[in-house]
Amino acid sequence: MHVDSLPSQSIDFSKPESYNEAIDDNLMIRDEYIQFFKNIQNPRLLRLREKAMSADLTAYLEGFTYNVKPNEYNAVPMDFVPRIISRENFQVIEDGIKQRAKALNMFLKDVYSEEKTIVPEELVIGSEYFNPDLIGHLPKNNIFIQVYGADLLYNGKTYYVIEDNLRVPSGVTYPIKIREMSDRYLNVLKRGYNLESYKPWTHLYKAMRDSSWTKNPFMVLLTDGPSGAAYFEHMYLSKIMEIPIVETGDIYVTDSGHVAARIPGEGEVQIDVIYRRVEDLDVFVPGLTKAYIDGKVALVNSPGTGVADDKLVYSYVPKMIQYYLSEEPILEQPKSYNPTIPEELEMAIQNVENLVVKERGGYGGIGTVIPRDHPKSKRDALIEQIKKEITEKPDNYLLQETLDFSTVVTRESFSPLIMRDSYVDLRVFSYYTGDGPQVPPGGLSRFARHGRITNNSSGGGVKDTWIVNLH
């Protein structure tokens, strides 16, 4: 099926060097998208723009926002042109994420058991997320990372993991909400597709239950409150999992060392499991880390997991997989340069212009610099600054090769239908239950509205991710 066969439609390809997931270089529509482009010619979609606007407005009124500043709520930019991935391709992702989750979890077990790991000891101890107070205190079943989000890029042939998120990974609810809005307003777009169901909260709920030593645990979600960037997600998860949400002031450590909370309609309740969506536990709930160490409460994710979230530790994950699992990595990583290794520092200095520079403890796109995306007039000065910083503070940075990753079609307008291509990444979540890592079919597809950085905090938008069986 050729693009020219579609009436009243314009598609602008501004990134010809990149692999477009929907349309090939000959302007032929790829197999995954043929039915979708047929669907958008349905007469029932003549009012597509109005339906999409209604969905956007409804989502905003229902609180689908993120906070950049306190009391400043921005609508999450949604695009109802989906990202479509075949079950065959997603199976590779699923297997690779399970493999990484197992290796990372085994690494954390060794770190907090004082066992030898594949990562140099000075990097582990030097990580800002390493917590020596937790040594010898292991969670139930030795599972540290009940929730793990891996960020992937695709180049048309290979999926690359560019980051591992293990502290308080966000974005779980975004694909759920956009799927809900699509079902309510634009369900005709799915006609003819065998779409796999995406219900990650069922796995999260089981992972939380399995983390507790108590048979029927009382579970809550701990939030940083309405001013937090991801408050919508916290509220939404609380609702669909039917567990209470608590803030500072609601939850406290009792004289007996247990954790309790005041729950509307329940009174004071002893808490067995906390899905924590905050970093500084003892700032929000004084004494909470000690309650965890004493075995009085289970925390999801366990404290101290951030040492495996460290950018320099990330560069060792392929070796972890070989070391712990005696397997070759299923998913690849971009070539990385660890400046603490002299020869890698020298190679990075020689090639800075073609690399992505990441702060070791950065997250959400913060501290990430892509020199070649900057204007030529400013690039030379930027490169010299980077060279100076990574030479003076080599243990503060990781550098990666810059990938030419895939783009997707994104709606510019629905009247008439105009599309453009945008860079896209994929955050896939794993939920570690007593039965092992579970990877539901789907994830958070984030597209860049400007440049290559897709994070919502940097202005990116979100798409529904369809996993489809084509045969």
Protein backbone atom coordinates (compact mmCIF):
# COMPACT_ATOMS: atom_id res chain seq x y z
CA MET A 1 0.00 0.00 0.00
CA HIS A 2 1.52 3.33 -1.12
CA VAL A 3 1.12 6.65 0.71
CA ASP A 4 -0.18 8.30 -2.48
CA SER A 5 -3.21 6.02 -2.39
CA LEU A 6 -4.46 7.78 0.75
CA PRO A 7 -6.83 10.69 0.07
CA SER A 8 -6.67 14.13 1.70
CA GLN A 9 -3.46 13.40 3.49
CA SER A 10 0.00 14.87 3.79
CA ILE A 11 3.04 13.29 5.43
CA ASP A 12 6.17 15.37 5.98
CA PHE A 13 9.43 13.43 6.31
CA SER A 14 12.02 15.78 7.75
CA LYS A 15 14.43 13.08 9.00
CA PRO A 16 15.27 11.01 5.90
CA GLU A 17 18.35 9.47 7.55
CA SER A 18 16.24 7.70 10.18
CA TYR A 19 14.18 4.53 9.98
CA ASN A 20 10.46 5.36 9.97
CA GLU A 21 8.47 2.59 11.64
CA ALA A 22 5.30 3.20 9.59
CA ILE A 23 6.50 4.04 6.06
CA ASP A 24 9.57 2.82 4.17
CA ASP A 25 11.95 4.74 1.92
CA ASN A 26 9.76 3.99 -1.12
CA LEU A 27 6.72 5.50 0.66
CA MET A 28 5.20 2.05 1.05
CA ILE A 29 3.27 1.52 4.26
CA ARG A 30 4.76 -1.18 6.46
CA ASP A 31 2.68 -4.27 7.28
CA GLU A 32 1.92 -3.25 10.88
CA TYR A 33 0.32 0.03 9.74
CA ILE A 34 -1.62 -0.96 6.60
CA GLN A 35 -4.87 -1.65 8.46
CA PHE A 36 -4.49 1.54 10.49
CA PHE A 37 -4.23 3.72 7.38
CA LYS A 38 -7.29 1.96 5.99
CA ASN A 39 -9.12 2.69 9.21
CA ILE A 40 -8.46 6.43 9.11
CA GLN A 41 -10.34 6.57 5.78
CA ASN A 42 -13.49 5.38 7.55
CA PRO A 43 -16.34 7.90 7.02
CA ARG A 44 -17.02 7.72 10.75
CA LEU A 45 -13.71 9.55 11.24
CA LEU A 46 -14.65 12.67 9.32
CA ARG A 47 -14.82 14.38 12.71
CA LEU A 48 -11.47 12.96 13.81
CA ARG A 49 -10.16 16.33 14.93
CA GLU A 50 -13.19 16.97 17.16
CA LYS A 51 -12.95 13.50 18.69
CA ALA A 52 -9.25 13.91 19.42
CA MET A 53 -9.86 17.33 20.97
CA SER A 54 -12.62 15.88 23.13
CA ALA A 55 -10.28 13.13 24.30
CA ASP A 56 -7.53 15.66 25.08
CA LEU A 57 -9.92 17.85 27.06
CA THR A 58 -11.45 14.92 28.96
CA ALA A 59 -8.01 13.61 29.92
CA TYR A 60 -6.96 17.05 31.19
CA LEU A 61 -10.15 17.49 33.21
CA GLU A 62 -9.56 14.04 34.70
CA GLY A 63 -6.13 15.21 35.86
CA PHE A 64 -3.86 13.72 33.18
CA THR A 65 -1.13 16.26 33.86
CA TYR A 66 2.43 16.56 35.04
CA ASN A 67 3.93 19.30 37.17
CA VAL A 68 6.96 21.27 36.06
CA LYS A 69 6.61 23.78 38.91
CA PRO A 70 4.49 23.68 42.09
CA ASN A 71 0.83 24.34 41.25
CA GLU A 72 1.59 24.51 37.51
CA TYR A 73 -0.17 21.61 35.81
CA ASN A 74 0.58 20.88 32.16
CA ALA A 75 -1.54 18.55 30.05
CA VAL A 76 0.35 15.45 28.94
CA PRO A 77 0.64 15.79 25.13
CA MET A 78 -1.11 12.75 23.61
CA ASP A 79 -1.01 11.52 20.03
CA PHE A 80 -3.72 9.10 18.93
CA VAL A 81 -1.73 7.82 15.96
CA PRO A 82 -0.38 4.70 17.70
CA ARG A 83 3.02 3.13 17.65
CA ILE A 84 2.48 -0.42 16.38
CA ILE A 85 4.93 -3.24 17.17
CA SER A 86 4.53 -6.82 16.03
CA ARG A 87 4.33 -9.56 18.65
CA GLU A 88 7.42 -11.11 17.03
CA ASN A 89 9.49 -7.96 17.65
CA PHE A 90 8.08 -7.44 21.12
CA GLN A 91 8.99 -11.01 22.10
CA VAL A 92 12.66 -10.06 21.69
CA ILE A 93 12.10 -7.03 23.92
CA GLU A 94 10.24 -9.07 26.54
CA ASP A 95 12.93 -11.75 26.71
CA GLY A 96 15.69 -9.14 26.88
CA ILE A 97 14.05 -7.13 29.65
CA LYS A 98 13.47 -10.25 31.76
CA GLN A 99 17.13 -11.14 31.29
CA ARG A 100 18.32 -7.69 32.40
CA ALA A 101 15.94 -7.65 35.38
CA LYS A 102 17.34 -10.96 36.62
CA ALA A 103 20.98 -9.88 36.24
CA LEU A 104 20.45 -6.46 37.84
CA ASN A 105 18.61 -8.04 40.75
CA MET A 106 21.42 -10.57 41.29
CA PHE A 107 23.93 -7.73 41.21
CA LEU A 108 22.02 -5.88 43.93
CA LYS A 109 21.86 -9.01 46.05
CA ASP A 110 25.64 -9.34 45.87
CA VAL A 111 26.18 -5.64 46.63
CA TYR A 112 24.15 -5.82 49.83
CA SER A 113 25.52 -9.24 50.80
CA GLU A 114 29.10 -7.93 50.43
CA GLU A 115 29.77 -10.48 47.72
CA LYS A 116 32.15 -9.86 44.83
CA THR A 117 30.50 -8.31 41.77
CA ILE A 118 31.60 -7.71 38.19
CA VAL A 119 31.56 -3.94 38.85
CA PRO A 120 34.72 -2.42 40.37
CA GLU A 121 34.24 -1.88 44.10
CA GLU A 122 35.20 1.79 43.92
CA LEU A 123 32.35 2.45 41.48
CA VAL A 124 29.83 0.73 43.76
CA ILE A 125 30.99 2.52 46.90
CA GLY A 126 31.33 5.81 45.00
CA SER A 127 27.75 5.75 43.74
CA GLU A 128 25.56 8.38 45.40
CA TYR A 129 22.79 5.76 45.53
CA PHE A 130 24.79 3.12 47.44
CA ASN A 131 23.53 2.76 51.03
CA PRO A 132 26.00 0.91 53.29
CA ASP A 133 23.45 0.81 56.13
CA LEU A 134 21.50 -1.78 54.13
CA ILE A 135 24.33 -4.31 53.92
CA GLY A 136 23.11 -7.62 55.29
CA HIS A 137 19.43 -6.67 55.10
CA LEU A 138 17.86 -8.42 52.12
CA PRO A 139 14.22 -8.21 51.00
CA LYS A 140 11.92 -11.22 50.73
CA ASN A 141 13.02 -13.66 48.01
CA ASN A 142 16.02 -11.34 47.44
CA ILE A 143 13.89 -9.25 45.09
CA PHE A 144 15.01 -5.61 45.07
CA ILE A 145 13.42 -4.27 41.88
CA GLN A 146 9.72 -5.05 41.82
CA VAL A 147 9.33 -2.24 39.24
CA TYR A 148 11.94 -1.75 36.54
CA GLY A 149 11.68 0.52 33.51
CA ALA A 150 14.15 0.18 30.63
CA ASP A 151 14.44 2.87 27.96
CA LEU A 152 14.94 1.52 24.46
CA LEU A 153 15.73 2.90 21.01
CA TYR A 154 15.19 1.08 17.71
CA ASN A 155 17.05 1.53 14.43
CA GLY A 156 14.94 -0.77 12.24
CA LYS A 157 17.01 -3.85 13.06
CA THR A 158 18.02 -3.74 16.71
CA TYR A 159 16.58 -2.56 20.02
CA TYR A 160 19.13 -0.82 22.24
CA VAL A 161 18.75 -0.24 25.98
CA ILE A 162 20.02 3.27 26.66
CA GLU A 163 19.07 3.50 30.36
CA ASP A 164 17.89 1.37 33.26
CA ASN A 165 15.45 2.96 35.74
CA LEU A 166 15.24 1.17 39.08
CA ARG A 167 14.64 3.72 41.83
CA VAL A 168 11.12 5.09 41.31
CA PRO A 169 10.53 4.64 37.55
CA SER A 170 7.57 6.66 36.31
CA GLY A 171 5.28 6.44 33.29
CA VAL A 172 3.44 3.23 34.16
CA THR A 173 0.01 4.85 33.81
CA TYR A 174 0.57 7.01 30.73
CA PRO A 175 -0.02 4.22 28.20
CA ILE A 176 -2.99 3.02 30.27
CA LYS A 177 -4.63 6.44 30.19
CA ILE A 178 -4.09 7.09 26.49
CA ARG A 179 -5.46 3.61 25.72
CA GLU A 180 -8.51 4.45 27.84
CA MET A 181 -9.06 7.73 25.95
CA SER A 182 -8.61 6.01 22.61
CA ASP A 183 -11.13 3.32 23.56
CA ARG A 184 -13.67 5.96 24.61
CA TYR A 185 -13.36 8.32 21.65
CA LEU A 186 -11.45 6.68 18.78
CA ASN A 187 -12.05 2.97 19.12
CA VAL A 188 -12.68 2.66 15.36
CA LEU A 189 -8.94 3.10 14.84
CA LYS A 190 -8.42 -0.41 16.22
CA ARG A 191 -10.76 -2.11 13.76
CA GLY A 192 -9.15 -5.21 12.23
CA TYR A 193 -6.36 -5.46 14.81
CA ASN A 194 -5.73 -8.30 17.24
CA LEU A 195 -4.44 -6.05 20.01
CA GLU A 196 -2.84 -7.54 23.11
CA SER A 197 -4.31 -6.36 26.40
CA TYR A 198 -2.13 -4.06 28.51
CA LYS A 199 -2.90 -4.27 32.23
CA PRO A 200 0.41 -3.75 34.04
CA TRP A 201 -1.23 -2.91 37.37
CA THR A 202 -2.18 -6.57 37.83
CA HIS A 203 1.53 -7.50 37.82
CA LEU A 204 2.44 -4.56 40.05
CA TYR A 205 -0.21 -5.58 42.57
CA LYS A 206 1.13 -9.15 42.70
CA ALA A 207 4.74 -7.92 42.95
CA MET A 208 3.74 -5.83 45.96
CA ARG A 209 1.93 -8.71 47.66
CA ASP A 210 4.85 -11.05 47.00
CA SER A 211 7.29 -8.59 48.61
CA SER A 212 5.64 -8.96 52.03
CA TRP A 213 6.30 -11.52 54.74
CA THR A 214 2.65 -11.11 55.74
CA LYS A 215 0.06 -13.45 54.21
CA ASN A 216 -2.58 -10.79 53.57
CA PRO A 217 -0.64 -7.53 53.60
CA PHE A 218 -2.18 -4.07 53.91
CA MET A 219 -0.63 -2.06 51.08
CA VAL A 220 -0.42 1.67 50.32
CA LEU A 221 1.15 4.00 47.78
CA LEU A 222 3.37 6.74 49.23
CA THR A 223 3.29 9.98 47.23
CA ASP A 224 5.07 13.32 47.50
CA GLY A 225 1.69 15.00 47.14
CA PRO A 226 -0.17 17.20 44.62
CA SER A 227 2.87 19.35 43.92
CA GLY A 228 4.89 16.33 42.74
CA ALA A 229 5.57 15.90 39.03
CA ALA A 230 3.89 12.49 38.81
CA TYR A 231 0.93 13.02 41.14
CA PHE A 232 -1.60 12.02 38.46
CA GLU A 233 0.14 8.67 38.14
CA HIS A 234 0.09 8.11 41.88
CA MET A 235 -3.63 8.86 42.11
CA TYR A 236 -4.48 6.75 39.06
CA LEU A 237 -2.54 3.72 40.28
CA SER A 238 -4.12 4.01 43.71
CA LYS A 239 -7.54 3.98 42.07
CA ILE A 240 -7.07 1.07 39.65
CA MET A 241 -5.23 -1.11 42.20
CA GLU A 242 -7.70 -0.16 44.92
CA ILE A 243 -5.02 0.62 47.49
CA PRO A 244 -4.91 3.80 49.63
CA ILE A 245 -2.63 6.69 48.71
CA VAL A 246 -0.82 8.37 51.62
CA GLU A 247 1.25 11.52 52.04
CA THR A 248 3.60 12.91 54.66
CA GLY A 249 1.54 13.38 57.81
CA ASP A 250 -0.70 10.39 57.01
CA ILE A 251 2.01 7.80 57.65
CA TYR A 252 4.42 7.38 60.55
CA VAL A 253 6.56 4.92 62.49
CA THR A 254 5.03 3.83 65.79
CA ASP A 255 6.81 3.34 69.13
CA SER A 256 6.97 -0.40 68.39
CA GLY A 257 8.85 0.30 65.14
CA HIS A 258 5.99 -0.68 62.87
CA VAL A 259 4.59 1.62 60.19
CA ALA A 260 1.05 2.91 60.50
CA ALA A 261 -1.17 5.31 58.59
CA ARG A 262 -4.44 7.11 59.10
CA ILE A 263 -6.73 5.87 56.35
CA PRO A 264 -10.14 7.52 55.76
CA GLY A 265 -12.85 5.07 56.73
CA GLU A 266 -10.29 2.68 58.27
CA GLY A 267 -8.74 4.70 61.11
CA GLU A 268 -5.18 3.84 62.12
CA VAL A 269 -3.92 0.82 60.15
CA GLN A 270 -0.61 -1.04 60.33
CA ILE A 271 1.09 -0.95 56.93
CA ASP A 272 2.82 -4.04 55.55
CA VAL A 273 3.84 -2.89 52.04
CA ILE A 274 4.59 0.58 50.70
CA TYR A 275 4.88 1.28 46.99
CA ARG A 276 7.10 4.29 47.40
CA ARG A 277 7.07 7.00 44.78
CA VAL A 278 9.53 9.21 46.67
CA GLU A 279 13.32 9.17 46.84
CA ASP A 280 14.21 10.59 50.27
CA LEU A 281 12.33 8.14 52.45
CA ASP A 282 13.34 9.44 55.87
CA VAL A 283 12.59 13.02 54.88
CA PHE A 284 9.00 12.05 54.12
CA VAL A 285 8.62 9.48 56.91
CA PRO A 286 11.28 9.70 59.64
CA GLY A 287 12.46 6.26 60.67
CA LEU A 288 11.07 4.46 57.61
CA THR A 289 14.41 3.02 56.47
CA LYS A 290 15.02 1.57 59.95
CA ALA A 291 11.54 0.00 59.92
CA TYR A 292 12.47 -1.62 56.62
CA ILE A 293 15.82 -2.85 57.99
CA ASP A 294 14.06 -4.26 61.06
CA GLY A 295 11.67 -6.22 58.82
CA LYS A 296 8.60 -4.28 59.97
CA VAL A 297 7.57 -3.16 56.46
CA ALA A 298 8.32 -4.06 52.82
CA LEU A 299 9.27 -1.25 50.43
CA VAL A 300 8.74 -1.35 46.66
CA ASN A 301 11.28 -0.76 45.24
CA SER A 302 13.71 -1.67 48.01
CA PRO A 303 16.02 1.11 49.23
CA GLY A 304 19.51 1.07 47.76
CA THR A 305 18.43 -0.06 44.28
CA GLY A 306 19.77 3.17 42.83
CA VAL A 307 23.28 1.77 42.78
CA ALA A 308 22.15 -0.32 39.79
CA ASP A 309 20.56 2.82 38.28
CA ASP A 310 23.96 4.52 38.24
CA LYS A 311 25.09 5.44 34.70
CA LEU A 312 28.61 4.07 35.17
CA VAL A 313 27.23 0.81 36.56
CA TYR A 314 24.96 0.62 33.48
CA SER A 315 28.06 0.19 31.31
CA TYR A 316 28.71 -3.15 33.06
CA VAL A 317 25.25 -4.71 32.51
CA PRO A 318 26.28 -6.86 29.50
CA LYS A 319 29.07 -8.33 31.65
CA MET A 320 26.57 -8.84 34.51
CA ILE A 321 24.38 -10.93 32.20
CA GLN A 322 27.35 -13.09 31.22
CA TYR A 323 28.61 -13.33 34.82
CA TYR A 324 25.33 -14.15 36.58
CA LEU A 325 23.32 -15.95 33.90
CA SER A 326 26.04 -17.42 31.65
CA GLU A 327 24.11 -15.96 28.69
CA GLU A 328 24.81 -13.46 25.96
CA PRO A 329 22.75 -10.24 26.17
CA ILE A 330 19.55 -10.42 24.12
CA LEU A 331 19.26 -6.63 23.89
CA GLU A 332 22.20 -4.48 22.90
CA GLN A 333 23.53 -1.26 24.42
CA PRO A 334 25.14 1.66 22.60
CA LYS A 335 28.91 1.64 22.88
CA SER A 336 29.73 3.41 26.14
CA TYR A 337 32.84 5.18 27.41
CA ASN A 338 33.67 5.12 31.11
CA PRO A 339 35.95 8.12 31.78
CA THR A 340 37.36 6.49 34.93
CA ILE A 341 39.21 4.10 32.60
CA PRO A 342 42.11 6.11 31.06
CA GLU A 343 41.97 4.58 27.58
CA GLU A 344 38.18 5.06 27.40
CA LEU A 345 38.57 8.67 28.55
CA GLU A 346 41.06 9.26 25.75
CA MET A 347 38.70 7.72 23.15
CA ALA A 348 35.80 9.81 24.48
CA ILE A 349 37.83 13.03 24.28
CA GLN A 350 38.73 12.28 20.66
CA ASN A 351 35.10 11.58 19.73
CA VAL A 352 33.00 13.90 21.95
CA GLU A 353 31.16 15.47 19.00
CA ASN A 354 29.55 12.12 18.14
CA LEU A 355 28.64 11.07 21.67
CA VAL A 356 25.84 11.58 24.17
CA VAL A 357 27.13 12.98 27.46
CA LYS A 358 25.25 11.91 30.59
CA GLU A 359 25.74 12.91 34.19
CA ARG A 360 26.29 9.82 36.29
CA GLY A 361 23.34 10.48 38.60
CA GLY A 362 21.11 12.27 36.09
CA TYR A 363 17.54 11.27 35.27
CA GLY A 364 14.62 12.42 33.11
CA GLY A 365 16.93 13.90 30.50
CA ILE A 366 18.50 16.18 33.13
CA GLY A 367 22.24 16.46 32.65
CA THR A 368 22.14 14.90 29.16
CA VAL A 369 23.92 16.75 26.34
CA ILE A 370 24.03 15.77 22.65
CA PRO A 371 26.69 18.05 21.09
CA ARG A 372 25.77 17.36 17.47
CA ASP A 373 22.22 18.60 18.10
CA HIS A 374 23.57 22.05 19.03
CA PRO A 375 24.12 24.84 16.46
CA LYS A 376 27.55 24.73 14.83
CA SER A 377 28.26 28.25 16.07
CA LYS A 378 28.13 27.01 19.68
CA ARG A 379 29.31 23.43 19.25
CA ASP A 380 33.09 23.95 19.45
CA ALA A 381 32.88 25.82 22.77
CA LEU A 382 30.49 23.18 24.16
CA ILE A 383 32.84 20.35 23.15
CA GLU A 384 35.82 22.03 24.80
CA GLN A 385 33.79 22.51 27.98
CA ILE A 386 32.79 18.82 28.00
CA LYS A 387 36.38 17.70 27.48
CA LYS A 388 37.48 19.82 30.43
CA GLU A 389 34.74 18.53 32.73
CA ILE A 390 35.15 14.83 31.98
CA THR A 391 38.92 15.15 32.41
CA GLU A 392 38.63 16.94 35.75
CA LYS A 393 35.75 14.80 37.09
CA PRO A 394 35.83 11.50 35.17
CA ASP A 395 33.67 9.68 37.72
CA ASN A 396 30.77 12.12 37.17
CA TYR A 397 29.98 11.16 33.57
CA LEU A 398 29.17 8.39 31.12
CA LEU A 399 29.43 8.93 27.36
CA GLN A 400 27.56 6.87 24.75
CA GLU A 401 27.61 6.72 21.00
CA THR A 402 24.80 8.74 19.42
CA LEU A 403 22.33 6.45 17.71
CA ASP A 404 20.29 7.30 14.63
CA PHE A 405 17.12 5.85 16.04
CA SER A 406 13.67 5.36 14.60
CA THR A 407 10.86 7.82 14.01
CA VAL A 408 7.10 7.40 14.00
CA VAL A 409 4.31 9.26 12.25
CA THR A 410 2.73 11.85 14.50
CA ARG A 411 -0.38 13.89 13.81
CA GLU A 412 0.18 17.53 13.11
CA SER A 413 -3.46 18.18 12.31
CA PHE A 414 -6.62 16.14 11.79
CA SER A 415 -8.36 18.55 9.43
CA PRO A 416 -6.97 17.88 6.94
CA LEU A 417 -4.96 14.90 8.17
CA ILE A 418 -1.33 16.01 8.23
CA MET A 419 1.42 13.90 9.74
CA ARG A 420 5.12 14.36 10.37
CA ASP A 421 7.87 12.08 11.65
CA SER A 422 9.18 12.36 15.20
CA TYR A 423 11.92 10.55 17.07
CA VAL A 424 10.55 8.01 19.54
CA ASP A 425 11.79 5.87 22.41
CA LEU A 426 10.09 3.10 24.37
CA ARG A 427 10.03 2.53 28.12
CA VAL A 428 9.16 -1.08 28.86
CA PHE A 429 8.31 -2.14 32.40
CA SER A 430 9.11 -5.33 34.25
CA TYR A 431 7.35 -6.36 37.47
CA TYR A 432 9.31 -8.82 39.60
CA THR A 433 6.92 -11.20 41.35
CA GLY A 434 7.63 -14.40 43.23
CA ASP A 435 7.30 -16.12 39.84
CA GLY A 436 10.05 -14.00 38.28
CA PRO A 437 10.02 -10.88 36.08
CA GLN A 438 6.75 -10.20 34.24
CA VAL A 439 6.71 -7.95 31.16
CA PRO A 440 3.21 -6.94 29.99
CA PRO A 441 2.83 -6.42 26.22
CA GLY A 442 3.22 -2.70 25.67
CA GLY A 443 4.92 0.27 27.23
CA LEU A 444 5.36 4.01 27.15
CA SER A 445 6.23 5.39 23.71
CA ARG A 446 7.49 8.95 24.05
CA PHE A 447 7.98 11.09 20.96
CA ALA A 448 10.13 14.18 20.65
CA ARG A 449 8.33 17.33 19.66
CA HIS A 450 11.67 19.09 19.18
CA GLY A 451 15.06 17.47 18.52
CA ARG A 452 15.77 14.01 19.91
CA ILE A 453 14.99 14.21 23.65
CA THR A 454 11.65 12.55 24.33
CA ASN A 455 11.18 13.05 28.09
CA ASN A 456 7.94 14.73 29.15
CA SER A 457 9.93 17.09 31.35
CA SER A 458 11.75 18.19 28.19
CA GLY A 459 8.54 18.71 26.20
CA GLY A 460 7.99 15.24 24.73
CA GLY A 461 4.59 13.64 24.11
CA VAL A 462 3.17 10.14 24.55
CA LYS A 463 1.62 7.57 22.24
CA ASP A 464 -0.32 4.39 22.74
CA THR A 465 1.83 1.34 22.00
CA TRP A 466 0.01 -1.50 20.27
CA ILE A 467 1.44 -5.01 20.32
CA VAL A 468 -0.28 -6.84 17.50
CA ASN A 469 -0.38 -10.33 16.05
CA LEU A 470 -0.15 -9.93 12.28
CA HIS A 471 -0.95 -13.53 11.39
